[in-house]
């Protein structure tokens, strides 16, 4: 997991593993994985986070998209034509 331009100067794997295990278990992180012929071709995740309630969002719960990945060979192609079953 890397932001554009970020340098990989520390090992995030242990912290990411802890984060995903904790938040997938409690339902505050949901991950989708796109697979084609046993190959991961895309991922997307959403973290459910809370901030103080406001008129536009009285629960205060919002979604934060992350963990976005698309196989370079498929960039610009229409993934929605793949079989979702």
N, C-alpha and C. Protein backbone atom coordinates (compact mmCIF):
# COMPACT_ATOMS: atom_id res chain seq x y z
N UNK A 1 0.85 -1.15 0.00
CA UNK A 1 0.00 0.00 0.00
C UNK A 1 0.90 1.23 0.00
N UNK A 2 0.81 2.05 -1.06
CA UNK A 2 1.71 3.20 -1.17
C UNK A 2 0.98 4.34 -1.84
N UNK A 3 1.14 5.53 -1.27
CA UNK A 3 0.63 6.73 -1.91
C UNK A 3 1.58 7.09 -3.04
N UNK A 4 1.05 7.72 -4.08
CA UNK A 4 1.89 8.11 -5.21
C UNK A 4 3.03 8.99 -4.72
N UNK A 5 4.24 8.63 -5.13
CA UNK A 5 5.42 9.41 -4.78
C UNK A 5 6.01 9.10 -3.43
N UNK A 6 5.32 8.32 -2.60
CA UNK A 6 5.84 8.00 -1.27
C UNK A 6 7.01 7.03 -1.37
N UNK A 7 7.97 7.19 -0.47
CA UNK A 7 9.12 6.29 -0.43
C UNK A 7 8.88 5.24 0.63
N UNK A 8 9.22 4.01 0.30
CA UNK A 8 9.03 2.89 1.22
C UNK A 8 10.23 2.80 2.15
N UNK A 9 10.19 3.60 3.21
CA UNK A 9 11.32 3.64 4.13
C UNK A 9 11.10 2.81 5.39
N UNK A 10 9.87 2.38 5.64
CA UNK A 10 9.59 1.53 6.80
C UNK A 10 8.75 0.35 6.34
N UNK A 11 8.75 -0.69 7.12
CA UNK A 11 7.97 -1.89 6.82
C UNK A 11 6.58 -1.74 7.41
N UNK A 12 5.58 -1.51 6.56
CA UNK A 12 4.21 -1.35 7.02
C UNK A 12 3.44 -2.66 7.15
N UNK A 13 4.03 -3.76 6.69
CA UNK A 13 3.29 -5.02 6.67
C UNK A 13 2.71 -5.41 8.03
N UNK A 14 3.47 -5.37 9.13
CA UNK A 14 2.87 -5.75 10.42
C UNK A 14 1.71 -4.84 10.83
N UNK A 15 1.86 -3.54 10.64
CA UNK A 15 0.79 -2.61 11.02
C UNK A 15 -0.44 -2.80 10.13
N UNK A 16 -0.23 -3.03 8.83
CA UNK A 16 -1.36 -3.26 7.92
C UNK A 16 -2.08 -4.56 8.27
N UNK A 17 -1.31 -5.60 8.58
CA UNK A 17 -1.93 -6.88 8.96
C UNK A 17 -2.80 -6.70 10.20
N UNK A 18 -2.29 -6.00 11.21
CA UNK A 18 -3.07 -5.73 12.43
C UNK A 18 -4.32 -4.92 12.11
N UNK A 19 -4.18 -3.88 11.29
CA UNK A 19 -5.31 -3.03 10.93
C UNK A 19 -6.41 -3.84 10.24
N UNK A 20 -6.03 -4.58 9.19
CA UNK A 20 -7.03 -5.33 8.44
C UNK A 20 -7.70 -6.40 9.30
N UNK A 21 -6.93 -7.12 10.11
CA UNK A 21 -7.53 -8.15 10.96
C UNK A 21 -8.53 -7.53 11.93
N UNK A 22 -8.17 -6.44 12.57
CA UNK A 22 -9.04 -5.79 13.55
C UNK A 22 -10.30 -5.22 12.89
N UNK A 23 -10.12 -4.46 11.82
CA UNK A 23 -11.24 -3.72 11.24
C UNK A 23 -12.11 -4.57 10.32
N UNK A 24 -11.58 -5.62 9.75
CA UNK A 24 -12.44 -6.55 9.00
C UNK A 24 -13.29 -7.34 9.99
N UNK A 25 -12.71 -7.67 11.13
CA UNK A 25 -13.46 -8.43 12.14
C UNK A 25 -14.60 -7.61 12.73
N UNK A 26 -14.38 -6.30 12.93
CA UNK A 26 -15.45 -5.50 13.54
C UNK A 26 -16.35 -4.81 12.51
N UNK A 27 -16.11 -5.07 11.22
CA UNK A 27 -16.98 -4.55 10.17
C UNK A 27 -16.73 -3.11 9.78
N UNK A 28 -15.63 -2.51 10.27
CA UNK A 28 -15.36 -1.13 9.90
C UNK A 28 -14.42 -1.02 8.69
N UNK A 29 -14.03 -2.16 8.12
CA UNK A 29 -13.31 -2.16 6.84
C UNK A 29 -13.87 -3.28 6.00
N UNK A 30 -14.24 -2.95 4.77
CA UNK A 30 -14.78 -3.92 3.83
C UNK A 30 -13.89 -3.90 2.59
N UNK A 31 -13.50 -5.08 2.12
CA UNK A 31 -12.60 -5.20 0.98
C UNK A 31 -13.27 -5.99 -0.13
N UNK A 32 -13.13 -5.50 -1.36
CA UNK A 32 -13.58 -6.23 -2.53
C UNK A 32 -12.35 -6.62 -3.33
N UNK A 33 -12.37 -7.83 -3.86
CA UNK A 33 -11.25 -8.32 -4.67
C UNK A 33 -11.82 -8.81 -5.99
N UNK A 34 -11.27 -8.30 -7.11
CA UNK A 34 -11.67 -8.74 -8.44
C UNK A 34 -10.66 -9.79 -8.90
N UNK A 35 -11.17 -10.95 -9.26
CA UNK A 35 -10.32 -12.07 -9.66
C UNK A 35 -10.73 -12.54 -11.05
N UNK A 36 -9.74 -12.79 -11.90
CA UNK A 36 -9.99 -13.35 -13.22
C UNK A 36 -9.05 -14.53 -13.41
N UNK A 37 -9.62 -15.70 -13.55
CA UNK A 37 -8.83 -16.92 -13.75
C UNK A 37 -7.76 -17.07 -12.67
N UNK A 38 -8.17 -16.94 -11.41
CA UNK A 38 -7.32 -17.11 -10.23
C UNK A 38 -6.26 -16.03 -10.06
N UNK A 39 -6.36 -14.93 -10.83
CA UNK A 39 -5.41 -13.83 -10.72
C UNK A 39 -6.15 -12.61 -10.18
N UNK A 40 -5.57 -11.98 -9.15
CA UNK A 40 -6.16 -10.76 -8.63
C UNK A 40 -5.90 -9.64 -9.64
N UNK A 41 -7.00 -9.04 -10.12
CA UNK A 41 -6.87 -7.98 -11.12
C UNK A 41 -7.30 -6.62 -10.58
N UNK A 42 -7.88 -6.61 -9.39
CA UNK A 42 -8.27 -5.34 -8.80
C UNK A 42 -8.70 -5.50 -7.36
N UNK A 43 -8.56 -4.42 -6.60
CA UNK A 43 -9.03 -4.39 -5.23
C UNK A 43 -9.60 -3.02 -4.93
N UNK A 44 -10.45 -2.98 -3.95
CA UNK A 44 -11.00 -1.73 -3.44
C UNK A 44 -11.43 -1.97 -2.00
N UNK A 45 -11.23 -0.98 -1.16
CA UNK A 45 -11.63 -1.10 0.23
C UNK A 45 -12.33 0.16 0.70
N UNK A 46 -13.13 0.01 1.72
CA UNK A 46 -13.78 1.16 2.32
C UNK A 46 -13.71 1.03 3.84
N UNK A 47 -13.25 2.10 4.47
CA UNK A 47 -13.24 2.18 5.92
C UNK A 47 -14.45 2.99 6.35
N UNK A 48 -15.19 2.47 7.31
CA UNK A 48 -16.31 3.20 7.87
C UNK A 48 -15.77 3.96 9.08
N UNK A 49 -15.76 5.26 8.99
CA UNK A 49 -15.22 6.09 10.06
C UNK A 49 -16.32 7.00 10.60
N UNK A 50 -16.11 7.47 11.81
CA UNK A 50 -17.09 8.35 12.43
C UNK A 50 -16.47 9.70 12.72
N UNK A 51 -17.26 10.71 12.48
CA UNK A 51 -16.91 12.06 12.86
C UNK A 51 -18.12 12.64 13.55
N UNK A 52 -18.06 13.81 14.12
CA UNK A 52 -19.24 14.34 14.80
C UNK A 52 -20.42 14.45 13.82
N UNK A 53 -21.61 14.10 14.27
CA UNK A 53 -22.78 14.21 13.39
C UNK A 53 -22.95 15.65 12.89
N UNK A 54 -23.49 15.75 11.68
CA UNK A 54 -23.81 17.06 11.12
C UNK A 54 -25.08 16.91 10.30
N UNK A 55 -25.67 18.02 9.90
CA UNK A 55 -26.98 17.97 9.26
C UNK A 55 -26.99 17.11 8.00
N UNK A 56 -25.92 17.12 7.25
CA UNK A 56 -25.86 16.30 6.05
C UNK A 56 -25.61 14.83 6.33
N UNK A 57 -25.17 14.51 7.53
CA UNK A 57 -24.87 13.13 7.91
C UNK A 57 -25.10 12.98 9.41
N UNK A 58 -26.38 12.81 9.81
CA UNK A 58 -26.69 12.79 11.25
C UNK A 58 -26.07 11.63 12.03
N UNK A 59 -25.65 10.56 11.36
CA UNK A 59 -24.99 9.47 12.08
C UNK A 59 -23.51 9.77 12.29
N UNK A 60 -22.95 10.65 11.46
CA UNK A 60 -21.52 10.93 11.52
C UNK A 60 -20.67 9.87 10.85
N UNK A 61 -21.29 8.81 10.35
CA UNK A 61 -20.53 7.72 9.71
C UNK A 61 -20.32 8.05 8.23
N UNK A 62 -19.06 7.95 7.81
CA UNK A 62 -18.71 8.19 6.42
C UNK A 62 -17.80 7.07 5.93
N UNK A 63 -17.70 6.91 4.63
CA UNK A 63 -16.83 5.91 4.04
C UNK A 63 -15.58 6.56 3.46
N UNK A 64 -14.46 5.94 3.70
CA UNK A 64 -13.17 6.41 3.19
C UNK A 64 -12.61 5.32 2.27
N UNK A 65 -12.54 5.60 0.97
CA UNK A 65 -12.04 4.62 0.01
C UNK A 65 -10.53 4.49 0.12
N UNK A 66 -10.06 3.25 0.01
CA UNK A 66 -8.61 3.00 0.06
C UNK A 66 -8.33 1.65 -0.60
N UNK A 67 -7.08 1.26 -0.55
CA UNK A 67 -6.66 -0.06 -1.06
C UNK A 67 -7.06 -0.27 -2.51
N UNK A 68 -6.98 0.80 -3.30
CA UNK A 68 -7.35 0.72 -4.71
C UNK A 68 -6.19 0.16 -5.52
N UNK A 69 -6.51 -0.84 -6.34
CA UNK A 69 -5.51 -1.46 -7.21
C UNK A 69 -6.22 -1.95 -8.46
N UNK A 70 -5.63 -1.71 -9.61
CA UNK A 70 -6.09 -2.30 -10.87
C UNK A 70 -4.86 -2.82 -11.60
N UNK A 71 -4.93 -4.04 -12.08
CA UNK A 71 -3.84 -4.63 -12.85
C UNK A 71 -3.50 -3.68 -14.00
N UNK A 72 -2.22 -3.39 -14.18
CA UNK A 72 -1.80 -2.44 -15.22
C UNK A 72 -2.27 -2.85 -16.61
N UNK A 73 -2.38 -4.14 -16.87
CA UNK A 73 -2.83 -4.61 -18.18
C UNK A 73 -4.29 -4.26 -18.44
N UNK A 74 -5.05 -3.99 -17.38
CA UNK A 74 -6.47 -3.72 -17.53
C UNK A 74 -6.83 -2.24 -17.37
N UNK A 75 -5.86 -1.40 -17.05
CA UNK A 75 -6.15 0.02 -16.90
C UNK A 75 -6.75 0.56 -18.20
N UNK A 76 -7.84 1.27 -18.07
CA UNK A 76 -8.52 1.84 -19.24
C UNK A 76 -9.51 0.90 -19.89
N UNK A 77 -9.50 -0.37 -19.52
CA UNK A 77 -10.46 -1.33 -20.06
C UNK A 77 -11.71 -1.36 -19.21
N UNK A 78 -12.76 -1.95 -19.71
CA UNK A 78 -14.03 -2.00 -18.99
C UNK A 78 -14.11 -3.27 -18.16
N UNK A 79 -13.79 -3.15 -16.86
CA UNK A 79 -13.84 -4.29 -15.97
C UNK A 79 -15.27 -4.77 -15.76
N UNK A 80 -16.27 -3.89 -15.99
CA UNK A 80 -17.65 -4.28 -15.73
C UNK A 80 -18.13 -5.32 -16.74
N UNK A 81 -17.36 -5.64 -17.77
CA UNK A 81 -17.75 -6.68 -18.71
C UNK A 81 -17.38 -8.07 -18.22
N UNK A 82 -16.62 -8.16 -17.13
CA UNK A 82 -16.24 -9.45 -16.58
C UNK A 82 -17.41 -10.08 -15.86
N UNK A 83 -17.46 -11.38 -15.82
CA UNK A 83 -18.51 -12.12 -15.14
C UNK A 83 -18.35 -11.94 -13.63
N UNK A 84 -19.40 -11.43 -12.99
CA UNK A 84 -19.35 -11.21 -11.54
C UNK A 84 -19.67 -12.47 -10.76
N UNK A 85 -19.95 -13.55 -11.40
CA UNK A 85 -20.32 -14.77 -10.71
C UNK A 85 -19.15 -15.60 -10.44
